[in-house]
Structures are given as structure tokens and as C-alpha cells.
Amino acid sequence: MAEHERKVSSGATVEAAEAARDELAAALGTAGITLPSLRVDPLSYGDERGESTFALVELGRCNIPTALAMAAALRAGRA
């Protein structure tokens, strides 16, 4: 199974979300794209006991050139 095909359960840990964020940042960086707001959303994990219930990677906002560069990179990857 390829690295990007790993399945993460709905009970993913913060560490799994951080690893996914880092993998995405690295892949985007290879395409010359940086998302300054890319992060693990701290509001998406943990309950009152501090147990992780789920974790989300937040892509954040980007400017128009970055959005177009991401679209072009995705299209190139499908070619």
C-alpha cells in the first residue's frame, strides 16, 4: 500500500493528523506550493477527558494564485 493510501480511522490520533499534515505539506512543497495556514485543527480533537475522538487537518485559506497552482498540480497529477 502506498504511503498516501494509508487508511486512518475516525478515531485518528493527533499524531496521525500531524503526520498527514506534514505529508501534505511536503507534497505541496514539491509542487512549489505553500499553505501558510495548514495545521491540525485543535478544536477537532479531544474531549473533556483529553481523549482523542477525531482529528482534522485544516487547509486554511489561500490567495488566488495559490488556489490556481494547487488546481494545476492536481490536474497534472491526473494526466
PDB file of N, CA and C in Angstrom:
ATOM      1  N   MET A   1       0.859  -1.180   0.000  1.00  0.00           N
ATOM      2  CA  MET A   1       0.000   0.000   0.000  1.00  0.00           C
ATOM      3  C   MET A   1       0.897   1.233   0.000  1.00  0.00           C
ATOM      4  N   ALA A   2       0.604   2.160  -0.901  1.00  0.00           N
ATOM      5  CA  ALA A   2       1.387   3.388  -0.989  1.00  0.00           C
ATOM      6  C   ALA A   2       1.181   4.229   0.257  1.00  0.00           C
ATOM      7  N   GLU A   3       2.151   5.061   0.539  1.00  0.00           N
ATOM      8  CA  GLU A   3       2.107   5.909   1.732  1.00  0.00           C
ATOM      9  C   GLU A   3       0.833   6.744   1.776  1.00  0.00           C
ATOM     10  N   HIS A   4       0.442   7.320   0.641  1.00  0.00           N
ATOM     11  CA  HIS A   4      -0.735   8.189   0.624  1.00  0.00           C
ATOM     12  C   HIS A   4      -2.041   7.413   0.669  1.00  0.00           C
ATOM     13  N   GLU A   5      -1.987   6.083   0.584  1.00  0.00           N
ATOM     14  CA  GLU A   5      -3.195   5.272   0.605  1.00  0.00           C
ATOM     15  C   GLU A   5      -3.495   4.709   1.987  1.00  0.00           C
ATOM     16  N   ARG A   6      -2.694   5.070   2.986  1.00  0.00           N
ATOM     17  CA  ARG A   6      -2.960   4.591   4.338  1.00  0.00           C
ATOM     18  C   ARG A   6      -4.338   5.016   4.774  1.00  0.00           C
ATOM     19  N   LYS A   7      -5.034   4.119   5.444  1.00  0.00           N
ATOM     20  CA  LYS A   7      -6.349   4.459   5.962  1.00  0.00           C
ATOM     21  C   LYS A   7      -6.203   4.863   7.416  1.00  0.00           C
ATOM     22  N   VAL A   8      -6.884   5.931   7.780  1.00  0.00           N
ATOM     23  CA  VAL A   8      -6.866   6.416   9.153  1.00  0.00           C
ATOM     24  C   VAL A   8      -8.297   6.345   9.657  1.00  0.00           C
ATOM     25  N   SER A   9      -8.490   5.710  10.794  1.00  0.00           N
ATOM     26  CA  SER A   9      -9.832   5.541  11.336  1.00  0.00           C
ATOM     27  C   SER A   9     -10.405   6.866  11.796  1.00  0.00           C
ATOM     28  N   SER A  10     -11.705   6.863  12.061  1.00  0.00           N
ATOM     29  CA  SER A  10     -12.344   8.087  12.534  1.00  0.00           C
ATOM     30  C   SER A  10     -11.828   8.476  13.913  1.00  0.00           C
ATOM     31  N   GLY A  11     -11.196   7.559  14.611  1.00  0.00           N
ATOM     32  CA  GLY A  11     -10.618   7.858  15.914  1.00  0.00           C
ATOM     33  C   GLY A  11      -9.143   8.200  15.793  1.00  0.00           C
ATOM     34  N   ALA A  12      -8.777   8.815  14.681  1.00  0.00           N
ATOM     35  CA  ALA A  12      -7.375   9.135  14.426  1.00  0.00           C
ATOM     36  C   ALA A  12      -6.803   9.996  15.539  1.00  0.00           C
ATOM     37  N   THR A  13      -5.575   9.730  15.845  1.00  0.00           N
ATOM     38  CA  THR A  13      -4.909  10.493  16.889  1.00  0.00           C
ATOM     39  C   THR A  13      -4.366  11.801  16.343  1.00  0.00           C
ATOM     40  N   VAL A  14      -4.014  12.658  17.250  1.00  0.00           N
ATOM     41  CA  VAL A  14      -3.391  13.914  16.867  1.00  0.00           C
ATOM     42  C   VAL A  14      -2.103  13.635  16.101  1.00  0.00           C
ATOM     43  N   GLU A  15      -1.372  12.617  16.525  1.00  0.00           N
ATOM     44  CA  GLU A  15      -0.121  12.280  15.847  1.00  0.00           C
ATOM     45  C   GLU A  15      -0.371  11.878  14.394  1.00  0.00           C
ATOM     46  N   ALA A  16      -1.448  11.128  14.143  1.00  0.00           N
ATOM     47  CA  ALA A  16      -1.778  10.737  12.769  1.00  0.00           C
ATOM     48  C   ALA A  16      -2.149  11.961  11.943  1.00  0.00           C
ATOM     49  N   ALA A  17      -2.892  12.886  12.543  1.00  0.00           N
ATOM     50  CA  ALA A  17      -3.260  14.112  11.835  1.00  0.00           C
ATOM     51  C   ALA A  17      -2.031  14.963  11.544  1.00  0.00           C
ATOM     52  N   GLU A  18      -1.107  15.030  12.492  1.00  0.00           N
ATOM     53  CA  GLU A  18       0.129  15.790  12.271  1.00  0.00           C
ATOM     54  C   GLU A  18       0.959  15.157  11.169  1.00  0.00           C
ATOM     55  N   ALA A  19       1.006  13.837  11.133  1.00  0.00           N
ATOM     56  CA  ALA A  19       1.756  13.136  10.082  1.00  0.00           C
ATOM     57  C   ALA A  19       1.118  13.391   8.717  1.00  0.00           C
ATOM     58  N   ALA A  20      -0.213  13.373   8.663  1.00  0.00           N
ATOM     59  CA  ALA A  20      -0.912  13.654   7.410  1.00  0.00           C
ATOM     60  C   ALA A  20      -0.655  15.084   6.963  1.00  0.00           C
ATOM     61  N   ARG A  21      -0.694  16.023   7.924  1.00  0.00           N
ATOM     62  CA  ARG A  21      -0.407  17.426   7.609  1.00  0.00           C
ATOM     63  C   ARG A  21       0.996  17.572   7.030  1.00  0.00           C
ATOM     64  N   ASP A  22       1.955  16.916   7.664  1.00  0.00           N
ATOM     65  CA  ASP A  22       3.343  17.007   7.206  1.00  0.00           C
ATOM     66  C   ASP A  22       3.522  16.387   5.827  1.00  0.00           C
ATOM     67  N   GLU A  23       2.834  15.263   5.579  1.00  0.00           N
ATOM     68  CA  GLU A  23       2.912  14.611   4.275  1.00  0.00           C
ATOM     69  C   GLU A  23       2.314  15.508   3.191  1.00  0.00           C
ATOM     70  N   LEU A  24       1.182  16.132   3.506  1.00  0.00           N
ATOM     71  CA  LEU A  24       0.553  17.049   2.551  1.00  0.00           C
ATOM     72  C   LEU A  24       1.438  18.261   2.305  1.00  0.00           C
ATOM     73  N   ALA A  25       2.006  18.821   3.347  1.00  0.00           N
ATOM     74  CA  ALA A  25       2.889  19.986   3.190  1.00  0.00           C
ATOM     75  C   ALA A  25       4.095  19.638   2.321  1.00  0.00           C
ATOM     76  N   ALA A  26       4.646  18.451   2.525  1.00  0.00           N
ATOM     77  CA  ALA A  26       5.796  18.032   1.723  1.00  0.00           C
ATOM     78  C   ALA A  26       5.412  17.859   0.250  1.00  0.00           C
ATOM     79  N   ALA A  27       4.255  17.235   0.005  1.00  0.00           N
ATOM     80  CA  ALA A  27       3.813  17.039  -1.374  1.00  0.00           C
ATOM     81  C   ALA A  27       3.524  18.370  -2.054  1.00  0.00           C
ATOM     82  N   LEU A  28       2.872  19.274  -1.335  1.00  0.00           N
ATOM     83  CA  LEU A  28       2.621  20.601  -1.890  1.00  0.00           C
ATOM     84  C   LEU A  28       3.935  21.340  -2.139  1.00  0.00           C
ATOM     85  N   GLY A  29       4.877  21.201  -1.213  1.00  0.00           N
ATOM     86  CA  GLY A  29       6.175  21.849  -1.372  1.00  0.00           C
ATOM     87  C   GLY A  29       6.903  21.372  -2.619  1.00  0.00           C
ATOM     88  N   THR A  30       6.756  20.092  -2.944  1.00  0.00           N
ATOM     89  CA  THR A  30       7.367  19.546  -4.160  1.00  0.00           C
ATOM     90  C   THR A  30       6.811  20.236  -5.396  1.00  0.00           C
ATOM     91  N   ALA A  31       5.546  20.641  -5.310  1.00  0.00           N
ATOM     92  CA  ALA A  31       4.910  21.357  -6.419  1.00  0.00           C
ATOM     93  C   ALA A  31       5.125  22.863  -6.319  1.00  0.00           C
ATOM     94  N   GLY A  32       5.911  23.306  -5.335  1.00  0.00           N
ATOM     95  CA  GLY A  32       6.190  24.726  -5.172  1.00  0.00           C
ATOM     96  C   GLY A  32       5.059  25.495  -4.511  1.00  0.00           C
ATOM     97  N   ILE A  33       4.229  24.775  -3.745  1.00  0.00           N
ATOM     98  CA  ILE A  33       3.061  25.390  -3.115  1.00  0.00           C
ATOM     99  C   ILE A  33       3.208  25.345  -1.604  1.00  0.00           C
ATOM    100  N   THR A  34       2.926  26.474  -0.961  1.00  0.00           N
ATOM    101  CA  THR A  34       2.937  26.543   0.496  1.00  0.00           C
ATOM    102  C   THR A  34       1.586  27.060   0.974  1.00  0.00           C
ATOM    103  N   LEU A  35       0.983  26.321   1.903  1.00  0.00           N
ATOM    104  CA  LEU A  35      -0.247  26.792   2.551  1.00  0.00           C
ATOM    105  C   LEU A  35       0.132  27.243   3.952  1.00  0.00           C
ATOM    106  N   PRO A  36       0.256  28.550   4.178  1.00  0.00           N
ATOM    107  CA  PRO A  36       0.706  29.050   5.478  1.00  0.00           C
ATOM    108  C   PRO A  36      -0.209  28.664   6.634  1.00  0.00           C
ATOM    109  N   SER A  37      -1.488  28.416   6.349  1.00  0.00           N
ATOM    110  CA  SER A  37      -2.434  28.106   7.414  1.00  0.00           C
ATOM    111  C   SER A  37      -2.625  26.605   7.618  1.00  0.00           C
ATOM    112  N   LEU A  38      -1.888  25.765   6.936  1.00  0.00           N
ATOM    113  CA  LEU A  38      -2.018  24.312   7.058  1.00  0.00           C
ATOM    114  C   LEU A  38      -1.680  23.894   8.481  1.00  0.00           C
ATOM    115  N   ARG A  39      -2.644  23.241   9.150  1.00  0.00           N
ATOM    116  CA  ARG A  39      -2.422  22.851  10.539  1.00  0.00           C
ATOM    117  C   ARG A  39      -3.413  21.783  10.953  1.00  0.00           C
ATOM    118  N   VAL A  40      -3.177  21.199  12.102  1.00  0.00           N
ATOM    119  CA  VAL A  40      -4.156  20.316  12.717  1.00  0.00           C
ATOM    120  C   VAL A  40      -5.110  21.203  13.499  1.00  0.00           C
ATOM    121  N   ASP A  41      -6.398  21.030  13.258  1.00  0.00           N
ATOM    122  CA  ASP A  41      -7.408  21.845  13.917  1.00  0.00           C
ATOM    123  C   ASP A  41      -7.527  21.432  15.379  1.00  0.00           C
ATOM    124  N   PRO A  42      -7.116  22.288  16.306  1.00  0.00           N
ATOM    125  CA  PRO A  42      -7.135  21.910  17.722  1.00  0.00           C
ATOM    126  C   PRO A  42      -8.539  21.727  18.287  1.00  0.00           C
ATOM    127  N   LEU A  43      -9.552  22.271  17.631  1.00  0.00           N
ATOM    128  CA  LEU A  43     -10.918  22.118  18.120  1.00  0.00           C
ATOM    129  C   LEU A  43     -11.550  20.798  17.676  1.00  0.00           C
ATOM    130  N   SER A  44     -10.862  20.057  16.809  1.00  0.00           N
ATOM    131  CA  SER A  44     -11.455  18.842  16.265  1.00  0.00           C
ATOM    132  C   SER A  44     -11.060  17.582  17.026  1.00  0.00           C
ATOM    133  N   TYR A  45     -10.268  17.705  18.046  1.00  0.00           N
ATOM    134  CA  TYR A  45      -9.860  16.504  18.763  1.00  0.00           C
ATOM    135  C   TYR A  45      -9.900  16.740  20.259  1.00  0.00           C
ATOM    136  N   GLY A  46     -10.033  15.651  20.966  1.00  0.00           N
ATOM    137  CA  GLY A  46     -10.029  15.702  22.418  1.00  0.00           C
ATOM    138  C   GLY A  46     -11.410  15.954  22.996  1.00  0.00           C
ATOM    139  N   ASP A  47     -11.660  15.314  24.104  1.00  0.00           N
ATOM    140  CA  ASP A  47     -12.896  15.539  24.832  1.00  0.00           C
ATOM    141  C   ASP A  47     -12.552  16.018  26.231  1.00  0.00           C
ATOM    142  N   GLU A  48     -13.532  16.061  27.102  1.00  0.00           N
ATOM    143  CA  GLU A  48     -13.279  16.593  28.446  1.00  0.00           C
ATOM    144  C   GLU A  48     -12.255  15.776  29.224  1.00  0.00           C
ATOM    145  N   ARG A  49     -12.048  14.515  28.827  1.00  0.00           N
ATOM    146  CA  ARG A  49     -11.042  13.674  29.489  1.00  0.00           C
ATOM    147  C   ARG A  49      -9.684  13.772  28.794  1.00  0.00           C
ATOM    148  N   GLY A  50      -9.626  14.550  27.710  1.00  0.00           N
ATOM    149  CA  GLY A  50      -8.385  14.683  26.971  1.00  0.00           C
ATOM    150  C   GLY A  50      -8.143  13.553  25.996  1.00  0.00           C
ATOM    151  N   GLU A  51      -9.172  12.696  25.782  1.00  0.00           N
ATOM    152  CA  GLU A  51      -9.026  11.581  24.860  1.00  0.00           C
ATOM    153  C   GLU A  51      -9.340  12.047  23.443  1.00  0.00           C
ATOM    154  N   SER A  52      -8.554  11.569  22.508  1.00  0.00           N
ATOM    155  CA  SER A  52      -8.752  11.947  21.119  1.00  0.00           C
ATOM    156  C   SER A  52      -9.963  11.219  20.552  1.00  0.00           C
ATOM    157  N   THR A  53     -10.881  11.957  19.963  1.00  0.00           N
ATOM    158  CA  THR A  53     -12.043  11.356  19.329  1.00  0.00           C
ATOM    159  C   THR A  53     -11.892  11.368  17.816  1.00  0.00           C
ATOM    160  N   PHE A  54     -11.393  12.420  17.266  1.00  0.00           N
ATOM    161  CA  PHE A  54     -11.061  12.523  15.852  1.00  0.00           C
ATOM    162  C   PHE A  54     -10.181  13.748  15.682  1.00  0.00           C
ATOM    163  N   ALA A  55      -9.498  13.799  14.584  1.00  0.00           N
ATOM    164  CA  ALA A  55      -8.629  14.944  14.323  1.00  0.00           C
ATOM    165  C   ALA A  55      -8.754  15.319  12.848  1.00  0.00           C
ATOM    166  N   LEU A  56      -8.773  16.610  12.587  1.00  0.00           N
ATOM    167  CA  LEU A  56      -8.903  17.114  11.227  1.00  0.00           C
ATOM    168  C   LEU A  56      -7.685  17.941  10.848  1.00  0.00           C
ATOM    169  N   VAL A  57      -7.290  17.833   9.594  1.00  0.00           N
ATOM    170  CA  VAL A  57      -6.245  18.687   9.055  1.00  0.00           C
ATOM    171  C   VAL A  57      -6.951  19.869   8.400  1.00  0.00           C
ATOM    172  N   GLU A  58      -6.643  21.045   8.877  1.00  0.00           N
ATOM    173  CA  GLU A  58      -7.248  22.264   8.351  1.00  0.00           C
ATOM    174  C   GLU A  58      -6.341  22.842   7.278  1.00  0.00           C
ATOM    175  N   LEU A  59      -6.882  23.009   6.080  1.00  0.00           N
ATOM    176  CA  LEU A  59      -6.086  23.532   4.977  1.00  0.00           C
ATOM    177  C   LEU A  59      -5.947  25.044   5.058  1.00  0.00           C
ATOM    178  N   GLY A  60      -6.890  25.694   5.677  1.00  0.00           N
ATOM    179  CA  GLY A  60      -6.804  27.135   5.839  1.00  0.00           C
ATOM    180  C   GLY A  60      -7.183  27.880   4.571  1.00  0.00           C
ATOM    181  N   ARG A  61      -6.866  29.132   4.575  1.00  0.00           N
ATOM    182  CA  ARG A  61      -7.195  29.988   3.445  1.00  0.00           C
ATOM    183  C   ARG A  61      -5.943  30.211   2.618  1.00  0.00           C
ATOM    184  N   CYS A  62      -6.157  30.509   1.326  1.00  0.00           N
ATOM    185  CA  CYS A  62      -5.021  30.819   0.458  1.00  0.00           C
ATOM    186  C   CYS A  62      -5.461  31.863  -0.554  1.00  0.00           C
ATOM    187  N   ASN A  63      -4.471  32.486  -1.159  1.00  0.00           N
ATOM    188  CA  ASN A  63      -4.787  33.503  -2.163  1.00  0.00           C
ATOM    189  C   ASN A  63      -5.100  32.839  -3.509  1.00  0.00           C
ATOM    190  N   ILE A  64      -5.552  33.639  -4.456  1.00  0.00           N
ATOM    191  CA  ILE A  64      -5.967  33.122  -5.761  1.00  0.00           C
ATOM    192  C   ILE A  64      -4.823  32.420  -6.494  1.00  0.00           C
ATOM    193  N   PRO A  65      -3.611  32.988  -6.564  1.00  0.00           N
ATOM    194  CA  PRO A  65      -2.537  32.284  -7.252  1.00  0.00           C
ATOM    195  C   PRO A  65      -2.234  30.910  -6.634  1.00  0.00           C
ATOM    196  N   THR A  66      -2.304  30.810  -5.324  1.00  0.00           N
ATOM    197  CA  THR A  66      -2.055  29.522  -4.673  1.00  0.00           C
ATOM    198  C   THR A  66      -3.155  28.531  -5.016  1.00  0.00           C
ATOM    199  N   ALA A  67      -4.400  28.965  -5.016  1.00  0.00           N
ATOM    200  CA  ALA A  67      -5.518  28.089  -5.384  1.00  0.00           C
ATOM    201  C   ALA A  67      -5.367  27.596  -6.818  1.00  0.00           C
ATOM    202  N   LEU A  68      -4.970  28.477  -7.720  1.00  0.00           N
ATOM    203  CA  LEU A  68      -4.771  28.081  -9.118  1.00  0.00           C
ATOM    204  C   LEU A  68      -3.582  27.130  -9.265  1.00  0.00           C
ATOM    205  N   ALA A  69      -2.528  27.370  -8.499  1.00  0.00           N
ATOM    206  CA  ALA A  69      -1.366  26.479  -8.540  1.00  0.00           C
ATOM    207  C   ALA A  69      -1.733  25.086  -8.029  1.00  0.00           C
ATOM    208  N   MET A  70      -2.550  25.014  -6.987  1.00  0.00           N
ATOM    209  CA  MET A  70      -2.990  23.711  -6.469  1.00  0.00           C
ATOM    210  C   MET A  70      -3.853  22.999  -7.509  1.00  0.00           C
ATOM    211  N   ALA A  71      -4.749  23.714  -8.151  1.00  0.00           N
ATOM    212  CA  ALA A  71      -5.597  23.115  -9.186  1.00  0.00           C
ATOM    213  C   ALA A  71      -4.743  22.572 -10.326  1.00  0.00           C
ATOM    214  N   ALA A  72      -3.744  23.337 -10.745  1.00  0.00           N
ATOM    215  CA  ALA A  72      -2.859  22.893 -11.828  1.00  0.00           C
ATOM    216  C   ALA A  72      -2.063  21.660 -11.409  1.00  0.00           C
ATOM    217  N   ALA A  73      -1.586  21.643 -10.174  1.00  0.00           N
ATOM    218  CA  ALA A  73      -0.816  20.482  -9.687  1.00  0.00           C
ATOM    219  C   ALA A  73      -1.699  19.241  -9.637  1.00  0.00           C
ATOM    220  N   LEU A  74      -2.936  19.388  -9.201  1.00  0.00           N
ATOM    221  CA  LEU A  74      -3.851  18.244  -9.173  1.00  0.00           C
ATOM    222  C   LEU A  74      -4.161  17.741 -10.579  1.00  0.00           C
ATOM    223  N   ARG A  75      -4.373  18.664 -11.497  1.00  0.00           N
ATOM    224  CA  ARG A  75      -4.628  18.260 -12.882  1.00  0.00           C
ATOM    225  C   ARG A  75      -3.417  17.549 -13.477  1.00  0.00           C
ATOM    226  N   ALA A  76      -2.240  18.057 -13.207  1.00  0.00           N
ATOM    227  CA  ALA A  76      -1.010  17.442 -13.733  1.00  0.00           C
ATOM    228  C   ALA A  76      -0.827  16.034 -13.165  1.00  0.00           C
ATOM    229  N   GLY A  77      -1.221  15.845 -11.934  1.00  0.00           N
ATOM    230  CA  GLY A  77      -1.101  14.523 -11.311  1.00  0.00           C
ATOM    231  C   GLY A  77      -2.061  13.505 -11.890  1.00  0.00           C
ATOM    232  N   ARG A  78      -3.136  13.967 -12.484  1.00  0.00           N
ATOM    233  CA  ARG A  78      -4.132  13.075 -13.094  1.00  0.00           C
ATOM    234  C   ARG A  78      -3.825  12.794 -14.554  1.00  0.00           C
ATOM    235  N   ALA A  79      -2.895  13.534 -15.130  1.00  0.00           N
ATOM    236  CA  ALA A  79      -2.590  13.377 -16.560  1.00  0.00           C
ATOM    237  C   ALA A  79      -1.807  12.111 -16.832  1.00  0.00           C
TER     238      ALA A  79
END
